[in-house]
C-alpha cells in the first residue's frame, strides 16, 4: 500500500494484495494427497468439500484519488482463480472471476459520505459459458 499527496490538496492511495492457498492433504502431505477433515482447509480435502488438491489464487489492485478535500474517485481490478484437480473421480478444471470497479464519493458533512460504486464481474466456470454481472450501488454512509 502507498499513500501520499500529489500536491497540497490532492491525495492518492494505491493498494495491492495477493493470496494463494492450496489444500494440504493428509498431515500436510501436499496438494493431491488424501485429506481428512482434520487436515483439510476451505478449498478441499474433507468429504464435505469439493475434492482433493484444490488451489486458490487471487490478486487485486486499487487506487483512490481525492482531488479536493471532500470528494474523490477510485478504480480497481481483481482476479480470482480456483483450480480443482480431482473430485475423487475425474479432473474438474479451473474457474475464474475478473472484477472491475469504479467509484465516486462525496463527504457530505464531517462523518457522512455519499458513495456511488459500479462493479462488473465476469465469471468463467470450468466448463460452460462466461457470465457477466454488473451492479451499481448508491449508499449513504455514516462513519462513526
N, C-alpha and C. Protein backbone atom coordinates (compact mmCIF):
# COMPACT_ATOMS: atom_id res chain seq x y z
N UNK A 1 0.84 -1.16 0.00
CA UNK A 1 0.00 0.00 0.00
C UNK A 1 0.89 1.23 0.00
N UNK A 2 0.47 2.23 -0.76
CA UNK A 2 1.17 3.51 -0.81
C UNK A 2 0.13 4.62 -0.69
N UNK A 3 0.42 5.60 0.14
CA UNK A 3 -0.46 6.75 0.29
C UNK A 3 0.39 8.00 0.34
N UNK A 4 -0.12 9.07 -0.25
CA UNK A 4 0.63 10.31 -0.21
C UNK A 4 -0.12 11.43 -0.89
N UNK A 5 0.52 12.60 -0.92
CA UNK A 5 -0.06 13.78 -1.55
C UNK A 5 0.65 14.05 -2.87
N UNK A 6 -0.16 14.37 -3.90
CA UNK A 6 0.41 14.74 -5.19
C UNK A 6 0.75 16.23 -5.21
N UNK A 7 -0.02 17.02 -4.51
CA UNK A 7 0.30 18.42 -4.27
C UNK A 7 -0.33 18.78 -2.93
N UNK A 8 -0.50 20.03 -2.64
CA UNK A 8 -1.00 20.41 -1.32
C UNK A 8 -2.41 19.91 -1.03
N UNK A 9 -3.25 19.78 -2.06
CA UNK A 9 -4.66 19.44 -1.82
C UNK A 9 -5.09 18.07 -2.34
N UNK A 10 -4.28 17.40 -3.13
CA UNK A 10 -4.70 16.16 -3.79
C UNK A 10 -3.98 14.97 -3.16
N UNK A 11 -4.77 13.99 -2.67
CA UNK A 11 -4.16 12.79 -2.08
C UNK A 11 -4.40 11.58 -2.98
N UNK A 12 -3.47 10.63 -2.95
CA UNK A 12 -3.54 9.43 -3.76
C UNK A 12 -3.21 8.22 -2.89
N UNK A 13 -3.99 7.18 -3.05
CA UNK A 13 -3.73 5.92 -2.37
C UNK A 13 -3.72 4.80 -3.39
N UNK A 14 -2.71 3.93 -3.33
CA UNK A 14 -2.62 2.77 -4.22
C UNK A 14 -2.47 1.54 -3.34
N UNK A 15 -3.31 0.55 -3.57
CA UNK A 15 -3.36 -0.64 -2.73
C UNK A 15 -3.30 -1.89 -3.60
N UNK A 16 -2.57 -2.90 -3.17
CA UNK A 16 -2.48 -4.17 -3.89
C UNK A 16 -2.37 -5.31 -2.90
N UNK A 17 -2.91 -6.46 -3.27
CA UNK A 17 -2.76 -7.65 -2.43
C UNK A 17 -2.76 -8.90 -3.28
N UNK A 18 -2.28 -9.98 -2.69
CA UNK A 18 -2.17 -11.27 -3.37
C UNK A 18 -2.44 -12.37 -2.35
N UNK A 19 -3.15 -13.41 -2.77
CA UNK A 19 -3.41 -14.55 -1.89
C UNK A 19 -3.27 -15.84 -2.69
N UNK A 20 -2.73 -16.85 -2.05
CA UNK A 20 -2.61 -18.17 -2.68
C UNK A 20 -2.68 -19.22 -1.58
N UNK A 21 -3.51 -20.22 -1.79
CA UNK A 21 -3.62 -21.30 -0.82
C UNK A 21 -3.95 -22.60 -1.55
N UNK A 22 -3.39 -23.68 -1.08
CA UNK A 22 -3.67 -25.00 -1.66
C UNK A 22 -4.08 -25.94 -0.54
N UNK A 23 -4.89 -26.92 -0.89
CA UNK A 23 -5.27 -27.96 0.05
C UNK A 23 -4.01 -28.71 0.46
N UNK A 24 -3.77 -28.86 1.77
CA UNK A 24 -2.56 -29.52 2.24
C UNK A 24 -2.66 -31.04 2.19
N UNK A 25 -3.85 -31.57 2.18
CA UNK A 25 -3.98 -33.01 2.20
C UNK A 25 -3.70 -33.57 3.58
N UNK A 26 -3.54 -34.86 3.70
CA UNK A 26 -3.35 -35.52 4.99
C UNK A 26 -2.03 -35.12 5.61
N UNK A 27 -2.09 -34.63 6.83
CA UNK A 27 -0.90 -34.29 7.62
C UNK A 27 0.07 -33.41 6.84
N UNK A 28 -0.45 -32.50 6.02
CA UNK A 28 0.39 -31.58 5.27
C UNK A 28 1.20 -32.27 4.19
N UNK A 29 0.70 -33.36 3.63
CA UNK A 29 1.45 -34.15 2.66
C UNK A 29 1.57 -33.48 1.30
N UNK A 30 0.86 -32.37 1.07
CA UNK A 30 0.95 -31.68 -0.21
C UNK A 30 -0.33 -31.83 -1.01
N UNK A 31 -0.48 -30.98 -1.99
CA UNK A 31 -1.68 -31.00 -2.81
C UNK A 31 -1.85 -32.35 -3.49
N UNK A 32 -3.06 -32.82 -3.52
CA UNK A 32 -3.35 -34.08 -4.19
C UNK A 32 -3.29 -35.29 -3.26
N UNK A 33 -2.74 -35.12 -2.07
CA UNK A 33 -2.67 -36.24 -1.13
C UNK A 33 -4.05 -36.49 -0.54
N UNK A 34 -4.26 -37.65 0.01
CA UNK A 34 -5.53 -37.97 0.65
C UNK A 34 -5.70 -37.09 1.86
N UNK A 35 -6.83 -36.41 1.94
CA UNK A 35 -7.06 -35.47 3.03
C UNK A 35 -8.11 -35.99 3.99
N UNK A 36 -8.05 -35.50 5.19
CA UNK A 36 -9.05 -35.82 6.20
C UNK A 36 -9.68 -34.53 6.68
N UNK A 37 -10.78 -34.63 7.39
CA UNK A 37 -11.46 -33.44 7.89
C UNK A 37 -10.55 -32.65 8.82
N UNK A 38 -9.67 -33.31 9.53
CA UNK A 38 -8.80 -32.62 10.49
C UNK A 38 -7.69 -31.83 9.80
N UNK A 39 -7.27 -32.22 8.59
CA UNK A 39 -6.14 -31.57 7.94
C UNK A 39 -6.52 -30.76 6.72
N UNK A 40 -7.75 -30.83 6.26
CA UNK A 40 -8.12 -30.09 5.06
C UNK A 40 -8.44 -28.65 5.41
N UNK A 41 -8.55 -27.81 4.39
CA UNK A 41 -8.94 -26.44 4.61
C UNK A 41 -10.17 -26.14 3.76
N UNK A 42 -10.54 -24.88 3.67
CA UNK A 42 -11.76 -24.47 2.97
C UNK A 42 -11.77 -24.90 1.50
N UNK A 43 -10.61 -25.07 0.89
CA UNK A 43 -10.55 -25.31 -0.55
C UNK A 43 -10.54 -26.77 -0.94
N UNK A 44 -10.73 -27.68 -0.02
CA UNK A 44 -10.89 -29.07 -0.40
C UNK A 44 -10.31 -30.05 0.58
N UNK A 45 -10.57 -31.31 0.33
CA UNK A 45 -9.99 -32.37 1.14
C UNK A 45 -10.99 -33.14 1.95
N UNK A 46 -11.81 -32.48 2.73
CA UNK A 46 -12.77 -33.18 3.56
C UNK A 46 -13.91 -33.71 2.70
N UNK A 47 -14.62 -34.69 3.22
CA UNK A 47 -15.72 -35.29 2.46
C UNK A 47 -16.76 -34.25 2.04
N UNK A 48 -16.95 -33.23 2.87
CA UNK A 48 -17.96 -32.21 2.56
C UNK A 48 -17.46 -31.20 1.53
N UNK A 49 -16.18 -31.19 1.23
CA UNK A 49 -15.62 -30.22 0.29
C UNK A 49 -15.68 -30.75 -1.14
N UNK A 50 -15.20 -29.94 -2.07
CA UNK A 50 -15.31 -30.28 -3.49
C UNK A 50 -14.35 -31.38 -3.92
N UNK A 51 -13.26 -31.55 -3.26
CA UNK A 51 -12.31 -32.57 -3.70
C UNK A 51 -10.96 -32.42 -3.04
N UNK A 52 -9.96 -33.03 -3.63
CA UNK A 52 -8.61 -33.04 -3.08
C UNK A 52 -7.70 -32.30 -4.05
N UNK A 53 -6.74 -31.57 -3.52
CA UNK A 53 -5.77 -30.89 -4.36
C UNK A 53 -6.25 -29.58 -4.94
N UNK A 54 -7.26 -28.98 -4.34
CA UNK A 54 -7.75 -27.71 -4.84
C UNK A 54 -6.76 -26.59 -4.54
N UNK A 55 -6.78 -25.54 -5.36
CA UNK A 55 -5.87 -24.40 -5.19
C UNK A 55 -6.63 -23.12 -5.48
N UNK A 56 -6.32 -22.07 -4.73
CA UNK A 56 -6.96 -20.77 -4.88
C UNK A 56 -5.87 -19.71 -5.01
N UNK A 57 -5.96 -18.88 -6.05
CA UNK A 57 -5.03 -17.77 -6.26
C UNK A 57 -5.85 -16.52 -6.57
N UNK A 58 -5.43 -15.38 -6.01
CA UNK A 58 -6.14 -14.13 -6.28
C UNK A 58 -5.20 -12.95 -6.09
N UNK A 59 -5.50 -11.87 -6.83
CA UNK A 59 -4.79 -10.62 -6.62
C UNK A 59 -5.74 -9.47 -6.92
N UNK A 60 -5.43 -8.30 -6.38
CA UNK A 60 -6.20 -7.11 -6.70
C UNK A 60 -5.30 -5.89 -6.62
N UNK A 61 -5.68 -4.86 -7.35
CA UNK A 61 -5.01 -3.58 -7.30
C UNK A 61 -6.08 -2.50 -7.35
N UNK A 62 -5.94 -1.50 -6.48
CA UNK A 62 -6.94 -0.44 -6.38
C UNK A 62 -6.23 0.90 -6.21
N UNK A 63 -6.88 1.96 -6.66
CA UNK A 63 -6.34 3.31 -6.48
C UNK A 63 -7.48 4.25 -6.12
N UNK A 64 -7.16 5.24 -5.28
CA UNK A 64 -8.13 6.23 -4.84
C UNK A 64 -7.49 7.61 -4.94
N UNK A 65 -8.17 8.53 -5.60
CA UNK A 65 -7.65 9.89 -5.80
C UNK A 65 -8.67 10.89 -5.25
N UNK A 66 -8.20 11.78 -4.40
CA UNK A 66 -9.05 12.84 -3.84
C UNK A 66 -8.51 14.19 -4.33
N UNK A 67 -9.09 14.72 -5.43
CA UNK A 67 -8.60 15.99 -5.95
C UNK A 67 -8.90 17.18 -5.03
N UNK A 68 -9.97 17.09 -4.26
CA UNK A 68 -10.28 18.10 -3.25
C UNK A 68 -10.58 17.37 -1.94
N UNK A 69 -10.60 18.12 -0.86
CA UNK A 69 -10.71 17.53 0.48
C UNK A 69 -11.92 16.61 0.67
N UNK A 70 -13.08 16.97 0.14
CA UNK A 70 -14.29 16.21 0.47
C UNK A 70 -14.86 15.35 -0.65
N UNK A 71 -14.13 15.13 -1.75
CA UNK A 71 -14.63 14.23 -2.80
C UNK A 71 -13.48 13.51 -3.48
N UNK A 72 -13.82 12.37 -4.07
CA UNK A 72 -12.78 11.60 -4.74
C UNK A 72 -13.34 10.53 -5.64
N UNK A 73 -12.44 9.85 -6.34
CA UNK A 73 -12.79 8.76 -7.24
C UNK A 73 -11.85 7.58 -6.96
N UNK A 74 -12.30 6.41 -7.36
CA UNK A 74 -11.49 5.21 -7.18
C UNK A 74 -11.72 4.24 -8.32
N UNK A 75 -10.74 3.36 -8.51
CA UNK A 75 -10.86 2.30 -9.52
C UNK A 75 -10.07 1.10 -9.04
N UNK A 76 -10.49 -0.08 -9.48
CA UNK A 76 -9.78 -1.29 -9.07
C UNK A 76 -10.05 -2.46 -9.99
N UNK A 77 -9.16 -3.44 -9.92
CA UNK A 77 -9.30 -4.68 -10.68
C UNK A 77 -8.91 -5.83 -9.77
N UNK A 78 -9.65 -6.93 -9.85
CA UNK A 78 -9.34 -8.13 -9.07
C UNK A 78 -9.47 -9.37 -9.95
N UNK A 79 -8.62 -10.33 -9.72
CA UNK A 79 -8.65 -11.61 -10.45
C UNK A 79 -8.57 -12.73 -9.43
N UNK A 80 -9.45 -13.72 -9.59
CA UNK A 80 -9.50 -14.87 -8.69
C UNK A 80 -9.58 -16.14 -9.52
N UNK A 81 -8.76 -17.13 -9.20
CA UNK A 81 -8.78 -18.40 -9.92
C UNK A 81 -8.80 -19.54 -8.91
N UNK A 82 -9.73 -20.45 -9.09
CA UNK A 82 -9.83 -21.64 -8.25
C UNK A 82 -9.61 -22.86 -9.13
N UNK A 83 -8.64 -23.68 -8.77
CA UNK A 83 -8.32 -24.88 -9.54
C UNK A 83 -8.64 -26.10 -8.70
N UNK A 84 -9.45 -27.00 -9.23
CA UNK A 84 -9.78 -28.26 -8.56
C UNK A 84 -9.16 -29.39 -9.36
N UNK A 85 -8.22 -30.11 -8.75
CA UNK A 85 -7.52 -31.14 -9.51
C UNK A 85 -8.31 -32.43 -9.62
N UNK A 86 -9.07 -32.77 -8.59
CA UNK A 86 -9.84 -34.01 -8.65
C UNK A 86 -10.99 -33.95 -7.66
N UNK A 87 -12.07 -34.63 -7.98
CA UNK A 87 -13.17 -34.75 -7.03
C UNK A 87 -13.29 -36.20 -6.56
N UNK A 88 -12.22 -36.95 -6.71
CA UNK A 88 -12.22 -38.35 -6.34
C UNK A 88 -12.58 -39.25 -7.50
N UNK A 89 -13.07 -38.68 -8.60
CA UNK A 89 -13.46 -39.46 -9.76
C UNK A 89 -12.70 -39.02 -11.00
N UNK A 90 -12.72 -37.72 -11.29
CA UNK A 90 -12.08 -37.21 -12.50
C UNK A 90 -11.61 -35.78 -12.28
N UNK A 91 -10.75 -35.31 -13.16
CA UNK A 91 -10.27 -33.93 -13.09
C UNK A 91 -11.44 -32.97 -13.29
N UNK A 92 -11.43 -31.87 -12.55
CA UNK A 92 -12.52 -30.91 -12.61
C UNK A 92 -12.16 -29.73 -13.50
N UNK A 93 -10.97 -29.16 -13.37
CA UNK A 93 -10.58 -27.97 -14.13
C UNK A 93 -10.49 -26.76 -13.23
N UNK A 94 -10.61 -25.58 -13.82
CA UNK A 94 -10.50 -24.37 -13.03
C UNK A 94 -11.56 -23.36 -13.43
N UNK A 95 -11.86 -22.46 -12.51
CA UNK A 95 -12.79 -21.37 -12.79
C UNK A 95 -12.13 -20.07 -12.35
N UNK A 96 -12.58 -18.96 -12.94
CA UNK A 96 -12.00 -17.67 -12.56
C UNK A 96 -13.05 -16.59 -12.57
N UNK A 97 -12.76 -15.54 -11.80
CA UNK A 97 -13.63 -14.37 -11.72
C UNK A 97 -12.75 -13.14 -11.87
N UNK A 98 -13.08 -12.27 -12.82
CA UNK A 98 -12.39 -10.99 -13.01
C UNK A 98 -13.38 -9.87 -12.69
N UNK A 99 -12.99 -8.98 -11.80
CA UNK A 99 -13.87 -7.90 -11.37
C UNK A 99 -13.21 -6.55 -11.61
N UNK A 100 -13.98 -5.63 -12.17
CA UNK A 100 -13.54 -4.25 -12.37
C UNK A 100 -14.49 -3.35 -11.60
N UNK A 101 -13.95 -2.36 -10.89
CA UNK A 101 -14.78 -1.49 -10.07
C UNK A 101 -14.35 -0.02 -10.25
N UNK A 102 -15.34 0.86 -10.34
CA UNK A 102 -15.09 2.31 -10.30
C UNK A 102 -16.01 2.89 -9.24
N UNK A 103 -15.56 3.95 -8.61
CA UNK A 103 -16.33 4.53 -7.52
C UNK A 103 -16.11 6.04 -7.47
N UNK A 104 -17.11 6.72 -6.93
CA UNK A 104 -17.01 8.15 -6.65
C UNK A 104 -17.60 8.36 -5.26
N UNK A 105 -16.99 9.26 -4.49
CA UNK A 105 -17.51 9.52 -3.16
C UNK A 105 -17.45 11.00 -2.85
N UNK A 106 -18.40 11.42 -2.01
CA UNK A 106 -18.51 12.82 -1.61
C UNK A 106 -18.79 12.87 -0.12
N UNK A 107 -17.96 13.58 0.60
CA UNK A 107 -18.15 13.72 2.04
C UNK A 107 -19.13 14.87 2.27
N UNK A 108 -20.37 14.50 2.61
CA UNK A 108 -21.45 15.47 2.77
C UNK A 108 -21.19 16.38 3.96
N UNK A 109 -20.85 15.79 5.07
CA UNK A 109 -20.58 16.51 6.31
C UNK A 109 -19.64 15.66 7.14
N UNK A 110 -18.83 16.24 7.92
CA UNK A 110 -17.79 15.63 8.73
C UNK A 110 -17.67 14.10 8.64
N UNK A 111 -18.62 13.32 9.14
CA UNK A 111 -18.52 11.86 9.13
C UNK A 111 -19.60 11.19 8.28
N UNK A 112 -20.14 11.88 7.32
CA UNK A 112 -21.18 11.32 6.47
C UNK A 112 -20.72 11.38 5.02
N UNK A 113 -20.80 10.23 4.34
CA UNK A 113 -20.27 10.12 2.98
C UNK A 113 -21.33 9.53 2.05
N UNK A 114 -21.39 10.04 0.84
CA UNK A 114 -22.26 9.51 -0.20
C UNK A 114 -21.37 8.81 -1.22
N UNK A 115 -21.62 7.52 -1.49
CA UNK A 115 -20.78 6.71 -2.36
C UNK A 115 -21.58 6.15 -3.53
N UNK A 116 -20.99 6.22 -4.71
CA UNK A 116 -21.55 5.58 -5.89
C UNK A 116 -20.51 4.58 -6.39
N UNK A 117 -20.90 3.30 -6.46
CA UNK A 117 -19.96 2.22 -6.78
C UNK A 117 -20.53 1.39 -7.93
N UNK A 118 -19.71 1.16 -8.95
CA UNK A 118 -20.09 0.32 -10.09
C UNK A 118 -19.14 -0.87 -10.16
N UNK A 119 -19.69 -2.07 -10.24
CA UNK A 119 -18.92 -3.31 -10.35
C UNK A 119 -19.31 -4.07 -11.61
N UNK A 120 -18.32 -4.65 -12.26
CA UNK A 120 -18.55 -5.56 -13.37
C UNK A 120 -17.71 -6.81 -13.11
N UNK A 121 -18.38 -7.93 -12.89
CA UNK A 121 -17.68 -9.18 -12.56
C UNK A 121 -17.97 -10.23 -13.62
N UNK A 122 -16.91 -10.72 -14.27
CA UNK A 122 -17.04 -11.76 -15.29
C UNK A 122 -16.61 -13.09 -14.67
N UNK A 123 -17.51 -14.05 -14.67
CA UNK A 123 -17.25 -15.38 -14.12
C UNK A 123 -17.11 -16.37 -15.26
N UNK A 124 -16.01 -17.10 -15.26
CA UNK A 124 -15.76 -18.12 -16.27
C UNK A 124 -15.66 -19.46 -15.55
N UNK A 125 -16.68 -20.31 -15.64
CA UNK A 125 -16.63 -21.61 -14.96
C UNK A 125 -15.70 -22.59 -15.68
N UNK A 126 -15.40 -23.70 -15.00
CA UNK A 126 -14.52 -24.72 -15.57
C UNK A 126 -15.06 -25.21 -16.91
N UNK A 127 -16.34 -25.41 -16.99
CA UNK A 127 -16.97 -25.83 -18.25
C UNK A 127 -18.22 -24.99 -18.43
N UNK A 128 -18.35 -24.39 -19.57
CA UNK A 128 -19.55 -23.60 -19.80
C UNK A 128 -19.24 -22.20 -20.29
N UNK A 129 -20.28 -21.41 -20.38
CA UNK A 129 -20.20 -20.07 -20.93
C UNK A 129 -19.96 -19.05 -19.83
N UNK A 130 -19.15 -18.04 -20.12
CA UNK A 130 -18.89 -16.96 -19.17
C UNK A 130 -20.14 -16.11 -18.98
N UNK A 131 -20.28 -15.57 -17.78
CA UNK A 131 -21.37 -14.65 -17.49
C UNK A 131 -20.78 -13.39 -16.87
N UNK A 132 -21.45 -12.27 -17.09
CA UNK A 132 -21.00 -11.00 -16.51
C UNK A 132 -22.14 -10.41 -15.70
N UNK A 133 -21.84 -10.05 -14.46
CA UNK A 133 -22.81 -9.40 -13.59
C UNK A 133 -22.36 -7.96 -13.37
N UNK A 134 -23.26 -7.02 -13.64
CA UNK A 134 -22.96 -5.60 -13.47
C UNK A 134 -23.89 -5.03 -12.40
N UNK A 135 -23.32 -4.32 -11.44
CA UNK A 135 -24.13 -3.73 -10.38
C UNK A 135 -23.68 -2.29 -10.14
N UNK A 136 -24.63 -1.47 -9.76
CA UNK A 136 -24.36 -0.09 -9.33
C UNK A 136 -25.00 0.10 -7.98
N UNK A 137 -24.27 0.68 -7.05
CA UNK A 137 -24.77 0.87 -5.69
C UNK A 137 -24.59 2.32 -5.29
N UNK A 138 -25.64 2.90 -4.76
CA UNK A 138 -25.58 4.23 -4.19
C UNK A 138 -25.83 4.08 -2.69
N UNK A 139 -24.88 4.53 -1.87
CA UNK A 139 -25.04 4.34 -0.43
C UNK A 139 -24.71 5.64 0.31
N UNK A 140 -25.37 5.80 1.41
CA UNK A 140 -25.10 6.91 2.33
C UNK A 140 -24.47 6.27 3.55
N UNK A 141 -23.27 6.67 3.87
CA UNK A 141 -22.50 6.00 4.93
C UNK A 141 -22.23 6.97 6.07
N UNK A 142 -22.50 6.51 7.28
CA UNK A 142 -22.18 7.27 8.49
C UNK A 142 -20.91 6.67 9.08
N UNK A 143 -19.84 7.42 9.09
CA UNK A 143 -18.56 6.95 9.60
C UNK A 143 -18.47 7.30 11.07
N UNK A 144 -18.83 6.35 11.91
CA UNK A 144 -18.85 6.60 13.35
C UNK A 144 -17.62 6.07 14.04
